[in-house]
Protein backbone atom coordinates (compact mmCIF):
# COMPACT_ATOMS: atom_id res chain seq x y z
CA MET A 1 -18.34 2.93 9.33
CA ARG A 2 -17.62 4.56 12.80
CA ILE A 3 -14.00 3.28 14.14
CA GLU A 4 -12.48 4.49 17.83
CA GLY A 5 -15.03 7.77 16.75
CA LEU A 6 -14.12 8.33 13.10
CA ASP A 7 -16.15 8.06 10.27
CA PHE A 8 -14.55 5.85 7.60
CA ALA A 9 -15.41 6.26 4.47
CA TYR A 10 -15.71 2.76 2.19
CA GLU A 11 -16.15 1.59 -0.76
CA ARG A 12 -17.55 -2.43 -0.87
CA LEU A 13 -17.42 -3.91 -4.71
CA GLY A 14 -18.34 -7.11 -6.34
CA SER A 15 -18.29 -10.98 -5.04
CA GLY A 16 -16.48 -13.70 -4.69
CA PRO A 17 -13.47 -14.42 -2.33
CA PRO A 18 -13.02 -10.89 0.43
CA LEU A 19 -9.83 -8.63 -0.16
CA LEU A 20 -8.70 -5.55 1.63
CA PHE A 21 -7.45 -2.89 -0.47
CA LEU A 22 -4.89 -0.21 1.11
CA ASN A 23 -4.24 3.38 -0.58
CA GLY A 24 -0.75 4.67 -0.97
CA SER A 25 -0.17 8.36 0.90
CA GLY A 26 -2.57 10.68 0.53
CA THR A 27 -4.17 8.74 -2.04
CA THR A 28 -8.47 8.46 -1.90
CA LEU A 29 -10.89 6.24 -3.30
CA ALA A 30 -11.72 8.39 -5.61
CA GLU A 31 -8.31 8.26 -7.43
CA VAL A 32 -8.41 4.20 -7.08
CA THR A 33 -12.02 3.47 -8.15
CA PRO A 34 -11.07 2.09 -11.26
CA LEU A 35 -8.53 -0.60 -10.23
CA LEU A 36 -11.13 -1.66 -7.42
CA GLY A 37 -13.79 -2.05 -10.22
CA LEU A 38 -10.99 -4.57 -11.70
CA LEU A 39 -10.32 -6.25 -8.72
CA ALA A 40 -13.99 -6.57 -8.58
CA GLU A 41 -14.16 -8.74 -11.02
CA ASP A 42 -12.80 -11.31 -9.24
CA PHE A 43 -13.30 -10.59 -5.74
CA GLU A 44 -15.64 -8.72 -2.83
CA VAL A 45 -13.19 -5.90 -2.52
CA VAL A 46 -13.35 -2.93 0.00
CA GLY A 47 -11.34 -0.09 -0.16
CA PHE A 48 -11.07 2.86 2.23
CA ASP A 49 -9.75 6.39 2.73
CA GLN A 50 -7.26 6.07 5.62
CA ARG A 51 -8.15 8.31 8.85
CA GLY A 52 -7.65 11.96 7.57
CA ILE A 53 -7.16 11.49 4.30
CA GLY A 54 -10.46 11.60 1.76
CA ARG A 55 -14.09 11.58 3.12
CA THR A 56 -12.41 10.15 6.72
CA GLY A 57 -12.22 11.98 9.47
CA LEU A 58 -9.24 13.61 10.72
CA PRO A 59 -8.42 12.07 14.29
CA GLY A 60 -6.85 14.84 16.62
CA GLY A 61 -3.36 14.34 17.06
CA PRO A 62 -0.41 12.08 16.04
CA TYR A 63 -0.49 8.43 15.59
CA THR A 64 1.41 5.48 14.30
CA MET A 65 1.48 2.69 11.60
CA ALA A 66 0.14 0.47 14.59
CA ASP A 67 -3.07 2.74 14.67
CA LEU A 68 -3.29 2.90 11.04
CA ALA A 69 -3.12 -1.24 10.87
CA ALA A 70 -5.44 -1.13 13.47
CA ASP A 71 -7.80 0.51 11.95
CA ALA A 72 -7.26 -1.58 8.55
CA LEU A 73 -8.02 -4.65 10.88
CA ALA A 74 -11.26 -2.96 12.57
CA VAL A 75 -12.61 -2.20 8.52
CA ALA A 76 -12.21 -6.15 8.29
CA ASP A 77 -14.61 -6.27 11.77
CA GLY A 78 -17.03 -4.57 10.80
CA LEU A 79 -17.44 -6.42 7.31
CA GLY A 80 -17.20 -9.47 9.04
CA TRP A 81 -14.28 -10.61 7.10
CA ARG A 82 -12.61 -13.11 9.88
CA ARG A 83 -9.97 -13.83 7.34
CA PHE A 84 -8.97 -11.77 3.88
CA ARG A 85 -6.57 -10.91 1.25
CA LEU A 86 -4.39 -7.91 1.50
CA LEU A 87 -3.22 -5.67 -0.76
CA GLY A 88 -1.37 -2.85 -0.20
CA VAL A 89 0.16 -0.56 -2.52
CA SER A 90 3.58 1.94 -1.33
CA PHE A 91 2.40 3.49 1.68
CA GLY A 92 -0.56 1.03 1.65
CA GLY A 93 1.96 -1.50 1.88
CA MET A 94 3.78 -0.47 4.55
CA VAL A 95 0.27 -0.65 6.61
CA ALA A 96 -0.18 -3.87 4.95
CA GLN A 97 3.07 -5.54 6.88
CA GLU A 98 2.26 -3.71 10.15
CA LEU A 99 -1.39 -5.33 10.06
CA ALA A 100 0.37 -8.96 8.78
CA VAL A 101 2.86 -9.14 11.43
CA THR A 102 -0.18 -8.00 14.15
CA ALA A 103 -2.53 -10.45 12.91
CA PRO A 104 -0.57 -12.96 10.93
CA GLU A 105 -3.73 -15.39 11.46
CA ARG A 106 -6.52 -13.23 9.73
CA VAL A 107 -4.17 -12.78 6.49
CA GLU A 108 -4.88 -15.21 3.75
CA ARG A 109 -2.95 -13.89 1.18
CA LEU A 110 -0.30 -11.09 0.98
CA ALA A 111 0.59 -8.66 -1.98
CA LEU A 112 2.95 -6.30 -1.45
CA LEU A 113 3.27 -3.55 -4.40
CA CYS A 114 6.27 -0.41 -4.11
CA THR A 115 6.62 -0.41 -0.75
CA SER A 116 9.61 -1.08 2.19
CA SER A 117 9.97 -2.70 5.13
CA GLY A 118 12.01 0.38 6.94
CA GLY A 119 14.51 -0.64 9.48
CA ALA A 120 17.83 -2.93 7.99
CA GLY A 121 15.71 -3.88 4.77
CA GLY A 122 15.54 -0.02 3.99
CA SER A 123 13.00 2.92 3.73
CA SER A 124 11.28 4.46 0.70
CA TYR A 125 11.97 7.87 0.10
CA PRO A 126 11.16 10.80 2.99
CA LEU A 127 8.52 12.24 0.83
CA HIS A 128 7.64 14.17 4.57
CA THR A 129 10.78 16.23 3.27
CA LEU A 130 9.06 17.75 0.46
CA ALA A 131 7.10 20.02 2.70
CA ASP A 132 10.68 21.74 3.13
CA LEU A 133 10.95 22.62 -0.50
CA ASP A 134 9.69 25.18 -2.47
CA GLU A 135 6.59 24.86 -4.71
CA ASP A 136 8.57 24.69 -8.13
CA GLU A 137 11.41 22.44 -6.58
CA ARG A 138 8.16 20.19 -5.02
CA GLU A 139 6.82 20.10 -8.25
CA ARG A 140 10.06 19.20 -10.13
CA VAL A 141 10.93 16.00 -7.38
CA SER A 142 8.13 14.80 -7.46
CA ALA A 143 7.87 14.62 -10.98
CA ARG A 144 10.86 12.90 -10.98
CA LEU A 145 9.86 10.55 -8.23
CA PHE A 146 6.43 9.33 -9.63
CA GLY A 147 6.86 9.99 -13.30
CA THR A 148 4.35 12.71 -13.41
CA PRO A 149 4.36 15.03 -16.54
CA PRO A 150 6.28 18.32 -16.00
CA GLY A 151 3.33 21.03 -15.08
CA HIS A 152 1.43 18.58 -13.11
CA ARG A 153 0.10 19.73 -9.68
CA ARG A 154 -2.72 18.37 -7.75
CA PRO A 155 -5.23 20.95 -7.05
CA ALA A 156 -4.43 22.66 -3.69
CA ALA A 157 -5.74 21.54 -0.51
CA GLY A 158 -7.70 22.68 2.23
CA ALA A 159 -6.86 22.91 6.35
CA ALA A 160 -8.17 20.11 6.86
CA ALA A 161 -6.74 17.85 3.99
CA ALA A 162 -3.27 19.33 4.81
CA GLU A 163 -3.23 18.29 8.15
CA GLY A 164 -4.63 14.84 7.38
CA ALA A 165 -1.70 14.61 4.92
CA ALA A 166 1.16 15.58 7.19
CA LEU A 167 -0.05 13.32 9.71
CA GLN A 168 -0.34 10.60 7.36
CA LEU A 169 3.47 11.40 5.95
CA ALA A 170 4.60 11.71 10.21
CA ALA A 171 3.32 7.91 10.78
CA ARG A 172 4.92 7.21 7.32
CA ALA A 173 8.30 8.41 8.61
CA GLY A 174 8.23 5.78 11.21
CA HIS A 175 7.55 2.57 9.03
CA ASP A 176 9.55 -0.53 10.61
CA ALA A 177 8.26 -3.82 10.02
CA PHE A 178 11.36 -5.32 9.03
CA ASP A 179 12.56 -7.39 12.15
CA ARG A 180 8.83 -8.49 12.89
CA LEU A 181 8.47 -9.72 8.76
CA PRO A 182 8.98 -13.54 9.59
CA ARG A 183 5.71 -13.70 11.16
CA ILE A 184 4.10 -13.32 8.38
CA ALA A 185 2.48 -16.51 7.81
CA CYS A 186 0.58 -16.67 4.34
CA PRO A 187 1.66 -16.63 0.58
CA THR A 188 3.49 -13.46 -0.07
CA PHE A 189 3.90 -12.06 -3.11
CA VAL A 190 6.51 -8.58 -3.74
CA ALA A 191 6.44 -6.71 -6.54
CA SER A 192 8.39 -3.27 -7.32
CA GLY A 193 9.42 -0.94 -10.42
CA SER A 194 12.47 -1.44 -12.32
CA GLN A 195 12.90 2.28 -12.37
CA ASP A 196 11.01 3.38 -9.25
CA LEU A 197 13.01 5.72 -7.65
CA VAL A 198 10.54 5.97 -4.23
CA ALA A 199 10.75 1.54 -3.34
CA PRO A 200 13.82 1.31 -5.55
CA PRO A 201 13.48 -2.69 -5.92
CA GLU A 202 16.28 -3.66 -3.90
CA ARG A 203 14.13 -2.77 -1.22
CA GLY A 204 11.25 -4.93 -2.33
CA ALA A 205 14.03 -7.50 -2.38
CA ALA A 206 15.02 -6.97 1.14
CA LEU A 207 11.53 -6.89 1.91
CA ALA A 208 10.91 -10.59 0.47
CA GLY A 209 13.98 -11.77 2.00
CA ARG A 210 12.81 -11.61 5.85
CA ILE A 211 9.29 -12.92 4.86
CA PRO A 212 9.24 -16.92 4.62
CA GLY A 213 8.59 -18.13 0.86
CA ALA A 214 7.52 -14.76 -0.42
CA VAL A 215 8.58 -14.05 -3.68
CA ALA A 216 10.45 -10.69 -5.57
CA ARG A 217 8.58 -9.66 -8.62
CA VAL A 218 10.48 -6.66 -10.66
CA PHE A 219 8.17 -4.89 -13.33
CA GLU A 220 9.04 -2.57 -16.14
CA GLY A 221 8.34 0.88 -15.18
CA GLY A 222 8.69 3.29 -11.70
CA HIS A 223 6.17 3.97 -9.04
CA LEU A 224 3.30 3.36 -11.22
CA PHE A 225 4.80 0.33 -12.77
CA LEU A 226 0.94 -1.29 -11.84
CA ILE A 227 -0.15 0.73 -14.76
CA GLU A 228 3.20 1.22 -16.86
CA ASP A 229 3.97 -2.88 -17.28
CA PRO A 230 0.85 -4.78 -19.12
CA ASP A 231 2.15 -8.10 -17.57
CA ALA A 232 1.74 -6.60 -13.94
CA LEU A 233 -1.90 -6.87 -12.88
CA PRO A 234 -2.63 -9.87 -14.96
CA GLU A 235 0.03 -11.59 -12.79
CA LEU A 236 -1.03 -10.00 -9.62
CA LEU A 237 -4.65 -10.94 -10.25
CA ARG A 238 -3.42 -14.59 -10.73
CA PHE A 239 -1.44 -14.10 -6.84
CA LEU A 240 -4.17 -13.25 -5.54
CA ARG A 241 -6.50 -15.88 -7.27
CA GLY A 242 -4.38 -18.77 -5.57
CA GLU A 243 -4.12 -19.75 -9.00
CA GLU A 244 -0.18 -19.72 -9.87
CA HIS A 245 2.90 -18.94 -7.72
CA PRO A 246 5.01 -16.39 -9.26
CA ALA A 247 8.05 -18.52 -9.11
CA ALA A 248 6.43 -20.30 -11.72
CA ALA A 249 6.17 -18.50 -13.98
CA GLY A 250 9.96 -18.15 -14.08
CA GLU A 251 10.76 -15.74 -11.35
CA LEU A 252 13.36 -16.53 -8.86
CA PRO A 253 12.77 -16.14 -5.09
CA SER A 254 14.09 -13.49 -3.69
CA ALA A 255 17.72 -14.17 -1.61
């Protein structure tokens, strides 16, 4: 799909209500294919490589969170989706917030996982600062933040991929949707990991507290709680299907 002169790689799976999925920092379609497959059992789900990431083209200069939200809306437009459900994970949750405050009439249900609002609600860990560390220290910090095994390293990226990742992290550093969050007008589910060091649960509570009617839910685990807590994915799916408001399961609304 071509948007603003860039070719966007995307996957479209399943059938049912439309669901747009937004990836985390540096994450490609190839890495989330298993999750998209699970979501496709209930939805017509679309995920895409964000600009400069994976198989999507690299822009010619810096960009903002507003640009990334505009990309996501353009993908929905290209699919012919007037209204859709929206699921954002980590960095994708930041883009989802920007989209939902910019075009609240487009979003039917919103799920924000392991993410933060920025601004007065607090920010997630500043991942852009990892580039200032030597390789061994960067590995140690990343392992602590994401709960990856010691010695785990992603394959070295090529120059274009490294530039795309750096541009994305620079945009992430400027994320601040806090003051605009009350514009969100749809049912919203905010989920955090109890041990998350990237987006701690207090960030999720602050985020949910700014969105009318939103519910904050804390699951066991770290930044990857969606695969660590067996209750997380089923509860997320129930919310996205509209079968049950999370508060009905005994969760308290955010403060």
